[in-house]
C-alpha atoms as a PDB file:
ATOM      1  CA  MET A   1     -32.196  -7.242  58.067  1.00  0.00           C
ATOM      2  CA  ILE A   2     -32.561  -9.056  54.723  1.00  0.00           C
ATOM      3  CA  PRO A   3     -31.732  -6.636  52.661  1.00  0.00           C
ATOM      4  CA  ASN A   4     -28.168  -5.447  54.384  1.00  0.00           C
ATOM      5  CA  VAL A   5     -27.520  -9.557  54.187  1.00  0.00           C
ATOM      6  CA  ARG A   6     -28.217  -9.384  50.194  1.00  0.00           C
ATOM      7  CA  VAL A   7     -26.305  -5.892  50.033  1.00  0.00           C
ATOM      8  CA  GLY A   8     -23.275  -7.922  52.492  1.00  0.00           C
ATOM      9  CA  ALA A   9     -23.805 -10.873  50.140  1.00  0.00           C
ATOM     10  CA  LEU A  10     -23.360  -8.448  46.468  1.00  0.00           C
ATOM     11  CA  SER A  11     -20.627  -6.575  47.257  1.00  0.00           C
ATOM     12  CA  LEU A  12     -18.332  -9.676  48.950  1.00  0.00           C
ATOM     13  CA  LEU A  13     -19.274 -11.993  45.530  1.00  0.00           C
ATOM     14  CA  LEU A  14     -18.103  -8.278  43.564  1.00  0.00           C
ATOM     15  CA  ALA A  15     -15.238  -8.129  45.502  1.00  0.00           C
ATOM     16  CA  ALA A  16     -13.766 -12.168  44.784  1.00  0.00           C
ATOM     17  CA  CYS A  17     -14.845 -11.207  41.155  1.00  0.00           C
ATOM     18  CA  LEU A  18     -12.367  -8.189  40.506  1.00  0.00           C
ATOM     19  CA  THR A  19      -9.641 -10.563  43.058  1.00  0.00           C
ATOM     20  CA  ALA A  20      -9.955 -13.180  40.505  1.00  0.00           C
ATOM     21  CA  ALA A  21     -10.191 -10.924  37.449  1.00  0.00           C
ATOM     22  CA  CYS A  22      -6.872  -8.803  38.926  1.00  0.00           C
ATOM     23  CA  GLY A  23      -5.247 -12.362  38.853  1.00  0.00           C
ATOM     24  CA  LEU A  24      -5.719 -12.902  35.362  1.00  0.00           C
ATOM     25  CA  PRO A  25      -2.110 -13.417  33.297  1.00  0.00           C
ATOM     26  CA  ARG A  26      -1.907 -10.733  30.210  1.00  0.00           C
ATOM     27  CA  PRO A  27      -2.232 -13.064  27.118  1.00  0.00           C
ATOM     28  CA  ASP A  28       0.816 -13.439  25.188  1.00  0.00           C
ATOM     29  CA  THR A  29       0.899 -10.882  21.951  1.00  0.00           C
ATOM     30  CA  VAL A  30       3.672 -10.717  18.797  1.00  0.00           C
ATOM     31  CA  VAL A  31       5.183  -7.546  18.479  1.00  0.00           C
ATOM     32  CA  THR A  32       4.666  -5.921  15.349  1.00  0.00           C
ATOM     33  CA  ARG A  33       7.452  -3.979  13.761  1.00  0.00           C
ATOM     34  CA  MET A  34       6.453  -1.191  10.651  1.00  0.00           C
ATOM     35  CA  ILE A  35       8.179  -1.156   7.087  1.00  0.00           C
ATOM     36  CA  GLU A  36       7.864   2.112   5.711  1.00  0.00           C
ATOM     37  CA  PRO A  37       8.937   1.648   1.666  1.00  0.00           C
ATOM     38  CA  ARG A  38      12.089   4.380   0.956  1.00  0.00           C
ATOM     39  CA  LEU A  39      11.130   5.989  -2.024  1.00  0.00           C
ATOM     40  CA  ALA A  40      14.104   7.572  -4.541  1.00  0.00           C
ATOM     41  CA  GLU A  41      14.543  11.166  -3.975  1.00  0.00           C
ATOM     42  CA  SER A  42      13.290  13.263  -7.413  1.00  0.00           C
ATOM     43  CA  SER A  43      15.860  15.172  -8.763  1.00  0.00           C
ATOM     44  CA  GLY A  44      13.493  18.091  -8.133  1.00  0.00           C
ATOM     45  CA  VAL A  45      11.013  19.729 -10.336  1.00  0.00           C
ATOM     46  CA  VAL A  46      11.223  19.629 -14.340  1.00  0.00           C
ATOM     47  CA  ALA A  47      10.272  22.352 -16.360  1.00  0.00           C
ATOM     48  CA  ASP A  48       6.967  20.959 -18.575  1.00  0.00           C
ATOM     49  CA  ALA A  49       7.965  20.394 -22.492  1.00  0.00           C
ATOM     50  CA  PRO A  50       6.377  22.974 -24.214  1.00  0.00           C
ATOM     51  CA  ASN A  51       3.824  20.016 -25.819  1.00  0.00           C
ATOM     52  CA  ALA A  52       3.688  18.513 -21.829  1.00  0.00           C
ATOM     53  CA  ALA A  53       0.313  16.238 -21.910  1.00  0.00           C
ATOM     54  CA  SER A  54      -1.511  17.632 -19.538  1.00  0.00           C
ATOM     55  CA  VAL A  55      -3.138  14.547 -17.028  1.00  0.00           C
ATOM     56  CA  ARG A  56      -5.142  14.880 -13.547  1.00  0.00           C
ATOM     57  CA  LEU A  57      -4.121  12.336 -11.125  1.00  0.00           C
ATOM     58  CA  LEU A  58      -7.740  11.114 -10.145  1.00  0.00           C
ATOM     59  CA  ASP A  59      -7.748   8.170  -7.526  1.00  0.00           C
ATOM     60  CA  THR A  60      -5.079   5.512  -6.585  1.00  0.00           C
ATOM     61  CA  GLN A  61      -6.913   2.809  -4.314  1.00  0.00           C
ATOM     62  CA  ILE A  62      -6.008  -0.789  -3.742  1.00  0.00           C
ATOM     63  CA  ARG A  63      -7.946  -4.090  -3.793  1.00  0.00           C
ATOM     64  CA  ALA A  64      -9.931  -5.000  -0.523  1.00  0.00           C
ATOM     65  CA  HIS A  65      -7.960  -7.691   0.722  1.00  0.00           C
ATOM     66  CA  ILE A  66      -4.300  -6.102   0.267  1.00  0.00           C
ATOM     67  CA  GLY A  67      -3.553  -3.976   3.215  1.00  0.00           C
ATOM     68  CA  ARG A  68      -1.513  -2.427   5.920  1.00  0.00           C
ATOM     69  CA  ARG A  69      -0.881  -6.626   6.644  1.00  0.00           C
ATOM     70  CA  LEU A  70       2.542  -7.563   4.577  1.00  0.00           C
ATOM     71  CA  LEU A  71       1.582 -11.152   2.694  1.00  0.00           C
ATOM     72  CA  HIS A  72       3.358 -13.835   1.815  1.00  0.00           C
ATOM     73  CA  GLN A  73       2.434 -15.922  -1.000  1.00  0.00           C
ATOM     74  CA  GLN A  74       3.127 -19.602  -0.943  1.00  0.00           C
ATOM     75  CA  PRO A  75       4.377 -22.095  -3.551  1.00  0.00           C
ATOM     76  CA  ASP A  76       1.142 -23.268  -3.956  1.00  0.00           C
ATOM     77  CA  GLY A  77      -0.569 -19.923  -4.683  1.00  0.00           C
ATOM     78  CA  GLU A  78      -1.620 -19.568  -0.720  1.00  0.00           C
ATOM     79  CA  LEU A  79      -1.543 -15.802   0.434  1.00  0.00           C
ATOM     80  CA  THR A  80      -0.298 -16.067   4.027  1.00  0.00           C
ATOM     81  CA  GLU A  81      -0.639 -12.252   6.335  1.00  0.00           C
ATOM     82  CA  ASP A  82       3.333 -12.346   8.463  1.00  0.00           C
ATOM     83  CA  ASP A  83       2.901 -12.525  12.089  1.00  0.00           C
ATOM     84  CA  VAL A  84       5.587  -9.714  13.123  1.00  0.00           C
ATOM     85  CA  TRP A  85       5.618  -6.885   9.962  1.00  0.00           C
ATOM     86  CA  ARG A  86       3.155  -4.867   8.505  1.00  0.00           C
ATOM     87  CA  TRP A  87       3.157  -1.214   5.985  1.00  0.00           C
ATOM     88  CA  THR A  88       3.158   1.552   8.065  1.00  0.00           C
ATOM     89  CA  SER A  89       0.382   2.344   5.495  1.00  0.00           C
ATOM     90  CA  THR A  90      -1.986   0.585   2.783  1.00  0.00           C
ATOM     91  CA  PRO A  91       0.517   0.003  -0.751  1.00  0.00           C
ATOM     92  CA  ASP A  92      -1.028   2.691  -2.163  1.00  0.00           C
ATOM     93  CA  ARG A  93      -1.101   5.606  -0.397  1.00  0.00           C
ATOM     94  CA  TYR A  94       2.785   5.221  -0.994  1.00  0.00           C
ATOM     95  CA  LEU A  95       2.171   4.084  -4.998  1.00  0.00           C
ATOM     96  CA  ASP A  96      -0.308   7.904  -4.606  1.00  0.00           C
ATOM     97  CA  SER A  97       3.456   9.354  -3.654  1.00  0.00           C
ATOM     98  CA  ALA A  98       5.198   7.505  -6.033  1.00  0.00           C
ATOM     99  CA  LEU A  99       3.200   8.964  -9.340  1.00  0.00           C
ATOM    100  CA  ARG A 100       3.116  12.847  -7.369  1.00  0.00           C
ATOM    101  CA  LEU A 101       7.207  12.484  -7.327  1.00  0.00           C
ATOM    102  CA  ALA A 102       7.099  10.526 -11.228  1.00  0.00           C
ATOM    103  CA  ILE A 103       4.795  12.564 -12.441  1.00  0.00           C
ATOM    104  CA  ALA A 104       7.195  15.994 -11.104  1.00  0.00           C
ATOM    105  CA  SER A 105       9.953  15.279 -12.843  1.00  0.00           C
ATOM    106  CA  ASN A 106       8.936  13.872 -16.330  1.00  0.00           C
ATOM    107  CA  PRO A 107       8.515  17.076 -18.425  1.00  0.00           C
ATOM    108  CA  GLU A 108       6.395  15.041 -21.164  1.00  0.00           C
ATOM    109  CA  LEU A 109       3.600  14.560 -18.657  1.00  0.00           C
ATOM    110  CA  ARG A 110       2.267  17.967 -16.696  1.00  0.00           C
ATOM    111  CA  GLN A 111      -0.581  17.091 -13.448  1.00  0.00           C
ATOM    112  CA  VAL A 112      -3.718  19.392 -13.442  1.00  0.00           C
ATOM    113  CA  ASP A 113      -6.596  19.794 -11.481  1.00  0.00           C
ATOM    114  CA  ALA A 114      -9.134  20.269 -14.646  1.00  0.00           C
ATOM    115  CA  SER A 115     -11.745  18.188 -15.420  1.00  0.00           C
ATOM    116  CA  SER A 116     -11.019  18.260 -19.728  1.00  0.00           C
ATOM    117  CA  ALA A 117      -7.680  16.575 -18.954  1.00  0.00           C
ATOM    118  CA  SER A 118      -7.555  12.845 -19.488  1.00  0.00           C
ATOM    119  CA  SER A 119      -8.273  11.441 -15.665  1.00  0.00           C
ATOM    120  CA  LEU A 120      -5.219   8.321 -14.315  1.00  0.00           C
ATOM    121  CA  ALA A 121      -7.269   5.755 -12.384  1.00  0.00           C
ATOM    122  CA  VAL A 122      -4.617   3.452 -10.616  1.00  0.00           C
ATOM    123  CA  THR A 123      -5.480   0.133  -9.121  1.00  0.00           C
ATOM    124  CA  VAL A 124      -2.882  -1.807  -6.937  1.00  0.00           C
ATOM    125  CA  LEU A 125      -4.013  -5.298  -8.030  1.00  0.00           C
ATOM    126  CA  ALA A 126      -1.079  -7.543  -5.653  1.00  0.00           C
ATOM    127  CA  TRP A 127       1.778  -5.915  -3.390  1.00  0.00           C
ATOM    128  CA  GLN A 128       3.023  -9.419  -1.716  1.00  0.00           C
ATOM    129  CA  ILE A 129       6.273 -11.327  -0.939  1.00  0.00           C
ATOM    130  CA  GLU A 130       6.333 -14.581  -3.094  1.00  0.00           C
ATOM    131  CA  SER A 131       8.129 -17.439  -1.512  1.00  0.00           C
ATOM    132  CA  GLY A 132      10.442 -19.882  -3.711  1.00  0.00           C
ATOM    133  CA  SER A 133      13.908 -20.846  -4.357  1.00  0.00           C
ATOM    134  CA  SER A 134      14.652 -16.864  -4.581  1.00  0.00           C
ATOM    135  CA  ARG A 135      11.982 -14.387  -2.734  1.00  0.00           C
ATOM    136  CA  ARG A 136      10.705 -11.321  -4.606  1.00  0.00           C
ATOM    137  CA  LEU A 137       8.270  -8.595  -3.519  1.00  0.00           C
ATOM    138  CA  ILE A 138       5.362  -8.659  -6.422  1.00  0.00           C
ATOM    139  CA  GLY A 139       3.827  -5.577  -7.306  1.00  0.00           C
ATOM    140  CA  ALA A 140       0.336  -5.195 -10.310  1.00  0.00           C
ATOM    141  CA  VAL A 141      -1.359  -1.869 -10.873  1.00  0.00           C
ATOM    142  CA  GLU A 142      -4.023  -1.812 -12.976  1.00  0.00           C
ATOM    143  CA  ILE A 143      -4.445   1.724 -14.664  1.00  0.00           C
ATOM    144  CA  LYS A 144      -7.296   3.031 -16.808  1.00  0.00           C
ATOM    145  CA  LEU A 145      -7.221   6.576 -18.316  1.00  0.00           C
ATOM    146  CA  THR A 146      -9.669   8.092 -19.292  1.00  0.00           C
ATOM    147  CA  ARG A 147      -9.701  10.454 -21.927  1.00  0.00           C
ATOM    148  CA  PRO A 148     -11.951  14.088 -22.368  1.00  0.00           C
ATOM    149  CA  ASP A 149     -13.742  12.082 -25.613  1.00  0.00           C
ATOM    150  CA  ARG A 150     -14.899   9.358 -22.382  1.00  0.00           C
ATOM    151  CA  THR A 151     -12.457   6.719 -24.102  1.00  0.00           C
ATOM    152  CA  VAL A 152     -11.263   4.924 -21.608  1.00  0.00           C
ATOM    153  CA  TYR A 153      -7.405   2.708 -21.907  1.00  0.00           C
ATOM    154  CA  SER A 154      -6.756   0.003 -19.100  1.00  0.00           C
ATOM    155  CA  GLN A 155      -3.272  -2.298 -18.627  1.00  0.00           C
ATOM    156  CA  ILE A 156      -2.177  -4.195 -15.894  1.00  0.00           C
ATOM    157  CA  ILE A 157       1.705  -3.338 -14.967  1.00  0.00           C
ATOM    158  CA  ARG A 158       3.587  -5.583 -13.678  1.00  0.00           C
ATOM    159  CA  ALA A 159       6.847  -5.300 -11.756  1.00  0.00           C
ATOM    160  CA  GLU A 160       9.048  -7.642  -9.151  1.00  0.00           C
ATOM    161  CA  GLU A 161      12.236  -6.755  -7.015  1.00  0.00           C
ATOM    162  CA  ALA A 162      14.899  -9.642  -5.201  1.00  0.00           C
ATOM    163  CA  LEU A 163      14.561  -9.688  -1.419  1.00  0.00           C
ATOM    164  CA  SER A 164      17.442 -10.620   0.819  1.00  0.00           C
ATOM    165  CA  ALA A 165      16.835 -13.996   2.774  1.00  0.00           C
ATOM    166  CA  ASP A 166      16.107 -12.341   6.404  1.00  0.00           C
ATOM    167  CA  LEU A 167      13.196  -9.959   6.835  1.00  0.00           C
ATOM    168  CA  PRO A 168      12.898  -7.433   7.062  1.00  0.00           C
ATOM    169  CA  GLY A 169      16.123  -6.647   5.607  1.00  0.00           C
ATOM    170  CA  ASP A 170      16.179  -4.659   2.218  1.00  0.00           C
ATOM    171  CA  LEU A 171      12.297  -4.507   1.774  1.00  0.00           C
ATOM    172  CA  SER A 172      11.950  -0.916   2.329  1.00  0.00           C
ATOM    173  CA  ALA A 173      14.045  -0.229  -0.145  1.00  0.00           C
ATOM    174  CA  ALA A 174      13.108  -2.864  -2.994  1.00  0.00           C
ATOM    175  CA  ALA A 175      10.228  -2.076  -2.056  1.00  0.00           C
ATOM    176  CA  GLY A 176      10.520   1.646  -3.025  1.00  0.00           C
ATOM    177  CA  ARG A 177      12.528   0.988  -6.483  1.00  0.00           C
ATOM    178  CA  LEU A 178       9.423  -1.579  -6.837  1.00  0.00           C
ATOM    179  CA  LEU A 179       7.038   1.635  -6.388  1.00  0.00           C
ATOM    180  CA  GLY A 180       9.173   4.236  -8.458  1.00  0.00           C
ATOM    181  CA  ARG A 181       9.384   1.417 -11.277  1.00  0.00           C
ATOM    182  CA  LEU A 182       5.428   0.623 -11.251  1.00  0.00           C
ATOM    183  CA  ALA A 183       4.981   4.503 -11.194  1.00  0.00           C
ATOM    184  CA  SER A 184       7.772   4.741 -14.257  1.00  0.00           C
ATOM    185  CA  ASP A 185       5.698   2.507 -16.261  1.00  0.00           C
ATOM    186  CA  CYS A 186       2.214   3.821 -15.599  1.00  0.00           C
ATOM    187  CA  LEU A 187       3.164   7.052 -16.539  1.00  0.00           C
ATOM    188  CA  SER A 188       5.161   5.857 -19.898  1.00  0.00           C
ATOM    189  CA  HIS A 189       2.013   3.549 -20.398  1.00  0.00           C
ATOM    190  CA  VAL A 190      -0.228   7.389 -20.149  1.00  0.00           C
ATOM    191  CA  ALA A 191       2.443   9.454 -22.274  1.00  0.00           C
ATOM    192  CA  ARG A 192       2.256   6.569 -25.431  1.00  0.00           C
ATOM    193  CA  GLN A 193      -1.541   6.870 -25.087  1.00  0.00           C
ATOM    194  CA  GLN A 194      -1.867  10.914 -25.200  1.00  0.00           C
ATOM    195  CA  GLY A 195       0.369  10.639 -27.693  1.00  0.00           C
ATOM    196  CA  THR A 196       3.866  12.439 -25.882  1.00  0.00           C
END
């Protein structure tokens, strides 16, 4: 008899807990919206010049604190995350695509997958919206070009694009232009270092 009372009491307690749990209100959540940069369409693959330098796109990566969240830099320098807007992917994936498009349309460089070619590694250092008198999207990358003789050339490149006042505004187009400019500047440095 006592075991039946315990089972009945536990069943009643379980039913009460389930009833209470079902009545809990759902937490308020912020709806997330995605932004994807619009990369400029390339004019197609350009034939390489006879003396085009070979380059191997080794790696495109990103600093650990920069990711899919949209970062805002306040006038005092503090970085804050946007509550609503996010990038559909991390900025280094977009930059990798922009670099591949820029190499394909640059007759001075030829992308190869050979260990005897110079290797290019690009790291995104900054990718944020700077608040102030005018809003701007800031991007900074570090390029490291390792030549076949194992000498390393390193350079930091920074660029910015003006933004409209409200998000998302022209953020997709501005991000696409900024990525294109960063990719083009990277390849200009590489071409100069390769002697083309």
